Amino acid sequence: MAVRERSGRYDKEAQDDLIKKLVEVRRVAKVVKGGRTMRFSALVVVGNGAGEVGIGIGKSAEVPDAIEKATQEAKKKMVKISVLERTIPHGTVGIFGRGKVILLPGALGSGVIAGGPVRNVLEACGIKDIRTKSIGSNNKINVVKATMNGLMSLRTKEQVAAARGKVPEEM
């Protein structure tokens, strides 16, 4: 892969072909003696479109810096998700805080039936057919973390058989 040089630094964007999704940017304030200091918090989802996905939260005085910090954290925290062709192997529920996300396998060609933050995670992961329902919290951070929790709990038939010391045909 070609690496371009930009302003004395290596351009990281030329090296990776990851899917980056900005889920949310918030303006947060810290109250100090002299008043309020404003900062920005960014939530980013990064995936390779082939079953690996990670989430990151970054905070800085400037929006681009917050997004860059969140992207770097998401790249570090990428995990492998068990995916069956275009969908997930079985239904599951992801929970984080008061946020709950129900993930169900979708029929071939049904598409990604999901709202906002959940859709960002699933598209970055590369899942094409799935049905979801978000219950409880509307907080985007909790919904994204609940989705990740549910995706990490997925196991394929081969993984379960290997854990039990059997072959998949015995299951």
C-alpha atoms as a PDB file:
ATOM      1  CA  MET A   1       0.000   0.000   0.000  1.00  0.00           C
ATOM      2  CA  ALA A   2       1.199   3.448  -0.818  1.00  0.00           C
ATOM      3  CA  VAL A   3       1.790   5.784   2.069  1.00  0.00           C
ATOM      4  CA  ARG A   4       1.420   9.452   1.318  1.00  0.00           C
ATOM      5  CA  GLU A   5       3.248  12.021   3.347  1.00  0.00           C
ATOM      6  CA  ARG A   6       1.346  15.082   4.498  1.00  0.00           C
ATOM      7  CA  SER A   7       2.875  17.936   6.488  1.00  0.00           C
ATOM      8  CA  GLY A   8       5.759  15.855   7.816  1.00  0.00           C
ATOM      9  CA  ARG A   9       3.505  13.084   9.151  1.00  0.00           C
ATOM     10  CA  TYR A  10       2.337   9.862   7.603  1.00  0.00           C
ATOM     11  CA  ASP A  11      -1.252   9.965   6.432  1.00  0.00           C
ATOM     12  CA  LYS A  12      -3.020   7.177   8.354  1.00  0.00           C
ATOM     13  CA  GLU A  13      -6.026   7.320   6.020  1.00  0.00           C
ATOM     14  CA  ALA A  14      -3.920   6.012   3.109  1.00  0.00           C
ATOM     15  CA  GLN A  15      -2.913   2.903   5.099  1.00  0.00           C
ATOM     16  CA  ASP A  16      -6.256   1.505   6.190  1.00  0.00           C
ATOM     17  CA  ASP A  17      -9.493   0.831   4.381  1.00  0.00           C
ATOM     18  CA  LEU A  18     -11.678   0.879   7.477  1.00  0.00           C
ATOM     19  CA  ILE A  19     -15.290   2.052   7.633  1.00  0.00           C
ATOM     20  CA  LYS A  20     -15.522   5.012  10.026  1.00  0.00           C
ATOM     21  CA  LYS A  21     -18.927   6.186  11.263  1.00  0.00           C
ATOM     22  CA  LEU A  22     -19.386   9.283  13.429  1.00  0.00           C
ATOM     23  CA  VAL A  23     -22.337   8.501  15.699  1.00  0.00           C
ATOM     24  CA  GLU A  24     -22.488  11.611  17.856  1.00  0.00           C
ATOM     25  CA  VAL A  25     -20.690  14.824  18.792  1.00  0.00           C
ATOM     26  CA  ARG A  26     -21.643  16.454  22.083  1.00  0.00           C
ATOM     27  CA  ARG A  27     -20.686  19.781  23.580  1.00  0.00           C
ATOM     28  CA  VAL A  28     -19.814  19.236  27.229  1.00  0.00           C
ATOM     29  CA  ALA A  29     -19.011  21.854  29.867  1.00  0.00           C
ATOM     30  CA  LYS A  30     -16.779  21.750  32.918  1.00  0.00           C
ATOM     31  CA  VAL A  31     -17.654  24.364  35.530  1.00  0.00           C
ATOM     32  CA  VAL A  32     -14.595  25.961  37.097  1.00  0.00           C
ATOM     33  CA  LYS A  33     -13.978  29.050  39.242  1.00  0.00           C
ATOM     34  CA  GLY A  34     -13.691  31.330  36.208  1.00  0.00           C
ATOM     35  CA  GLY A  35     -16.808  30.001  34.481  1.00  0.00           C
ATOM     36  CA  ARG A  36     -17.499  27.128  32.089  1.00  0.00           C
ATOM     37  CA  THR A  37     -14.893  25.529  29.857  1.00  0.00           C
ATOM     38  CA  MET A  38     -16.466  24.024  26.751  1.00  0.00           C
ATOM     39  CA  ARG A  39     -15.163  20.813  25.200  1.00  0.00           C
ATOM     40  CA  PHE A  40     -16.460  18.352  22.626  1.00  0.00           C
ATOM     41  CA  SER A  41     -17.038  14.629  23.036  1.00  0.00           C
ATOM     42  CA  ALA A  42     -17.215  12.369  19.971  1.00  0.00           C
ATOM     43  CA  LEU A  43     -18.500   8.786  19.619  1.00  0.00           C
ATOM     44  CA  VAL A  44     -17.047   6.904  16.624  1.00  0.00           C
ATOM     45  CA  VAL A  45     -17.569   3.357  15.287  1.00  0.00           C
ATOM     46  CA  VAL A  46     -14.810   1.774  13.174  1.00  0.00           C
ATOM     47  CA  GLY A  47     -15.097  -1.524  11.291  1.00  0.00           C
ATOM     48  CA  ASN A  48     -13.554  -3.383   8.385  1.00  0.00           C
ATOM     49  CA  GLY A  49     -16.866  -4.566   6.909  1.00  0.00           C
ATOM     50  CA  ALA A  50     -15.817  -8.196   7.376  1.00  0.00           C
ATOM     51  CA  GLY A  51     -16.764  -8.971  10.970  1.00  0.00           C
ATOM     52  CA  GLU A  52     -14.457  -6.689  12.974  1.00  0.00           C
ATOM     53  CA  VAL A  53     -15.745  -3.588  14.744  1.00  0.00           C
ATOM     54  CA  GLY A  54     -14.721  -1.247  17.568  1.00  0.00           C
ATOM     55  CA  ILE A  55     -16.097   1.830  19.318  1.00  0.00           C
ATOM     56  CA  GLY A  56     -14.271   4.819  20.747  1.00  0.00           C
ATOM     57  CA  ILE A  57     -15.052   7.982  22.686  1.00  0.00           C
ATOM     58  CA  GLY A  58     -12.757  11.002  22.480  1.00  0.00           C
ATOM     59  CA  LYS A  59     -12.874  14.400  24.140  1.00  0.00           C
ATOM     60  CA  SER A  60     -11.059  17.582  23.179  1.00  0.00           C
ATOM     61  CA  ALA A  61     -11.405  21.370  22.934  1.00  0.00           C
ATOM     62  CA  GLU A  62     -11.864  21.090  19.148  1.00  0.00           C
ATOM     63  CA  VAL A  63     -14.279  18.816  17.240  1.00  0.00           C
ATOM     64  CA  PRO A  64     -11.715  17.360  14.745  1.00  0.00           C
ATOM     65  CA  ASP A  65      -9.336  16.491  17.582  1.00  0.00           C
ATOM     66  CA  ALA A  66     -12.138  14.755  19.516  1.00  0.00           C
ATOM     67  CA  ILE A  67     -13.091  12.737  16.409  1.00  0.00           C
ATOM     68  CA  GLU A  68      -9.443  11.749  15.801  1.00  0.00           C
ATOM     69  CA  LYS A  69      -9.006  10.620  19.426  1.00  0.00           C
ATOM     70  CA  ALA A  70     -12.220   8.589  19.260  1.00  0.00           C
ATOM     71  CA  THR A  71     -11.151   6.990  15.963  1.00  0.00           C
ATOM     72  CA  GLN A  72      -7.770   5.965  17.385  1.00  0.00           C
ATOM     73  CA  GLU A  73      -9.447   4.426  20.455  1.00  0.00           C
ATOM     74  CA  ALA A  74     -11.948   2.569  18.259  1.00  0.00           C
ATOM     75  CA  LYS A  75      -9.126   1.099  16.144  1.00  0.00           C
ATOM     76  CA  LYS A  76      -7.380  -0.152  19.297  1.00  0.00           C
ATOM     77  CA  LYS A  77     -10.576  -1.729  20.658  1.00  0.00           C
ATOM     78  CA  MET A  78     -11.610  -3.611  17.500  1.00  0.00           C
ATOM     79  CA  VAL A  79     -12.983  -7.109  18.175  1.00  0.00           C
ATOM     80  CA  LYS A  80     -13.901 -10.031  15.905  1.00  0.00           C
ATOM     81  CA  ILE A  81     -17.635 -10.757  15.643  1.00  0.00           C
ATOM     82  CA  SER A  82     -19.095 -14.145  14.661  1.00  0.00           C
ATOM     83  CA  VAL A  83     -20.969 -13.561  11.411  1.00  0.00           C
ATOM     84  CA  LEU A  84     -22.750 -16.141   9.231  1.00  0.00           C
ATOM     85  CA  GLU A  85     -22.435 -14.951   5.609  1.00  0.00           C
ATOM     86  CA  ARG A  86     -24.690 -11.859   5.646  1.00  0.00           C
ATOM     87  CA  THR A  87     -26.400 -12.198   9.058  1.00  0.00           C
ATOM     88  CA  ILE A  88     -25.796 -13.326  12.651  1.00  0.00           C
ATOM     89  CA  PRO A  89     -25.849 -16.996  13.765  1.00  0.00           C
ATOM     90  CA  HIS A  90     -28.632 -16.623  16.362  1.00  0.00           C
ATOM     91  CA  GLY A  91     -30.761 -14.096  18.219  1.00  0.00           C
ATOM     92  CA  THR A  92     -29.305 -12.340  21.248  1.00  0.00           C
ATOM     93  CA  VAL A  93     -29.874  -9.418  23.617  1.00  0.00           C
ATOM     94  CA  GLY A  94     -27.196  -6.861  24.433  1.00  0.00           C
ATOM     95  CA  ILE A  95     -27.473  -4.869  27.655  1.00  0.00           C
ATOM     96  CA  PHE A  96     -25.493  -1.876  28.865  1.00  0.00           C
ATOM     97  CA  GLY A  97     -26.845   0.312  31.657  1.00  0.00           C
ATOM     98  CA  ARG A  98     -30.567   0.833  30.999  1.00  0.00           C
ATOM     99  CA  GLY A  99     -30.073   0.336  27.261  1.00  0.00           C
ATOM    100  CA  LYS A 100     -31.154  -2.974  25.775  1.00  0.00           C
ATOM    101  CA  VAL A 101     -30.825  -4.033  22.123  1.00  0.00           C
ATOM    102  CA  ILE A 102     -32.497  -7.150  20.704  1.00  0.00           C
ATOM    103  CA  LEU A 103     -30.637  -8.604  17.698  1.00  0.00           C
ATOM    104  CA  LEU A 104     -32.372 -11.199  15.493  1.00  0.00           C
ATOM    105  CA  PRO A 105     -31.099 -12.874  12.300  1.00  0.00           C
ATOM    106  CA  GLY A 106     -32.727 -11.491   9.176  1.00  0.00           C
ATOM    107  CA  ALA A 107     -33.944 -13.348   6.113  1.00  0.00           C
ATOM    108  CA  LEU A 108     -31.775 -13.162   2.997  1.00  0.00           C
ATOM    109  CA  GLY A 109     -32.319  -9.771   1.362  1.00  0.00           C
ATOM    110  CA  SER A 110     -34.213  -8.213   4.288  1.00  0.00           C
ATOM    111  CA  GLY A 111     -31.501  -5.587   4.856  1.00  0.00           C
ATOM    112  CA  VAL A 112     -30.471  -3.839   8.057  1.00  0.00           C
ATOM    113  CA  ILE A 113     -33.647  -3.101  10.021  1.00  0.00           C
ATOM    114  CA  ALA A 114     -32.186  -0.933  12.773  1.00  0.00           C
ATOM    115  CA  GLY A 115     -32.272   2.626  13.995  1.00  0.00           C
ATOM    116  CA  GLY A 116     -29.509   5.232  14.203  1.00  0.00           C
ATOM    117  CA  PRO A 117     -26.651   4.132  16.482  1.00  0.00           C
ATOM    118  CA  VAL A 118     -27.343   0.390  16.075  1.00  0.00           C
ATOM    119  CA  ARG A 119     -27.297   0.742  12.269  1.00  0.00           C
ATOM    120  CA  ASN A 120     -23.876   2.438  12.392  1.00  0.00           C
ATOM    121  CA  VAL A 121     -22.355  -0.459  14.351  1.00  0.00           C
ATOM    122  CA  LEU A 122     -23.911  -3.139  12.107  1.00  0.00           C
ATOM    123  CA  GLU A 123     -22.881  -1.442   8.857  1.00  0.00           C
ATOM    124  CA  ALA A 124     -19.292  -0.983  10.071  1.00  0.00           C
ATOM    125  CA  CYS A 125     -19.240  -4.668  11.054  1.00  0.00           C
ATOM    126  CA  GLY A 126     -20.456  -5.757   7.617  1.00  0.00           C
ATOM    127  CA  ILE A 127     -23.740  -7.387   8.635  1.00  0.00           C
ATOM    128  CA  LYS A 128     -26.244  -7.047   5.764  1.00  0.00           C
ATOM    129  CA  ASP A 129     -29.449  -8.829   6.949  1.00  0.00           C
ATOM    130  CA  ILE A 130     -30.602  -8.317  10.546  1.00  0.00           C
ATOM    131  CA  ARG A 131     -33.615  -7.161  12.579  1.00  0.00           C
ATOM    132  CA  THR A 132     -33.109  -5.145  15.767  1.00  0.00           C
ATOM    133  CA  LYS A 133     -35.098  -3.360  18.435  1.00  0.00           C
ATOM    134  CA  SER A 134     -33.684  -0.861  20.906  1.00  0.00           C
ATOM    135  CA  ILE A 135     -35.478  -0.746  24.255  1.00  0.00           C
ATOM    136  CA  GLY A 136     -34.914   1.454  27.296  1.00  0.00           C
ATOM    137  CA  SER A 137     -32.253   4.120  27.003  1.00  0.00           C
ATOM    138  CA  ASN A 138     -32.117   6.560  24.085  1.00  0.00           C
ATOM    139  CA  ASN A 139     -28.576   7.549  25.078  1.00  0.00           C
ATOM    140  CA  LYS A 140     -26.474   6.841  21.984  1.00  0.00           C
ATOM    141  CA  ILE A 141     -23.426   5.765  23.993  1.00  0.00           C
ATOM    142  CA  ASN A 142     -25.456   3.190  25.963  1.00  0.00           C
ATOM    143  CA  VAL A 143     -27.205   1.926  22.807  1.00  0.00           C
ATOM    144  CA  VAL A 144     -23.890   1.482  20.934  1.00  0.00           C
ATOM    145  CA  LYS A 145     -22.283  -0.296  23.912  1.00  0.00           C
ATOM    146  CA  ALA A 146     -25.349  -2.552  24.307  1.00  0.00           C
ATOM    147  CA  THR A 147     -25.140  -3.429  20.596  1.00  0.00           C
ATOM    148  CA  MET A 148     -21.442  -4.292  20.959  1.00  0.00           C
ATOM    149  CA  ASN A 149     -22.261  -6.396  24.052  1.00  0.00           C
ATOM    150  CA  GLY A 150     -24.846  -8.359  22.069  1.00  0.00           C
ATOM    151  CA  LEU A 151     -22.550  -8.842  19.058  1.00  0.00           C
ATOM    152  CA  MET A 152     -19.682 -10.069  21.240  1.00  0.00           C
ATOM    153  CA  SER A 153     -21.952 -12.709  22.806  1.00  0.00           C
ATOM    154  CA  LEU A 154     -22.575 -14.372  19.405  1.00  0.00           C
ATOM    155  CA  ARG A 155     -21.144 -17.845  18.788  1.00  0.00           C
ATOM    156  CA  THR A 156     -21.226 -19.982  15.650  1.00  0.00           C
ATOM    157  CA  LYS A 157     -22.086 -23.667  15.695  1.00  0.00           C
ATOM    158  CA  GLU A 158     -18.401 -24.525  15.162  1.00  0.00           C
ATOM    159  CA  GLN A 159     -17.280 -22.376  18.114  1.00  0.00           C
ATOM    160  CA  VAL A 160     -19.806 -24.005  20.470  1.00  0.00           C
ATOM    161  CA  ALA A 161     -18.826 -27.500  19.298  1.00  0.00           C
ATOM    162  CA  ALA A 162     -15.114 -26.746  19.785  1.00  0.00           C
ATOM    163  CA  ALA A 163     -15.761 -25.455  23.314  1.00  0.00           C
ATOM    164  CA  ARG A 164     -17.588 -28.712  24.151  1.00  0.00           C
ATOM    165  CA  GLY A 165     -14.920 -30.895  22.538  1.00  0.00           C
ATOM    166  CA  LYS A 166     -17.244 -32.201  19.826  1.00  0.00           C
ATOM    167  CA  VAL A 167     -17.599 -31.905  16.082  1.00  0.00           C
ATOM    168  CA  PRO A 168     -20.375 -29.676  14.664  1.00  0.00           C
ATOM    169  CA  GLU A 169     -22.262 -32.702  13.280  1.00  0.00           C
ATOM    170  CA  GLU A 170     -22.820 -34.044  16.831  1.00  0.00           C
ATOM    171  CA  MET A 171     -24.614 -30.889  17.910  1.00  0.00           C
END
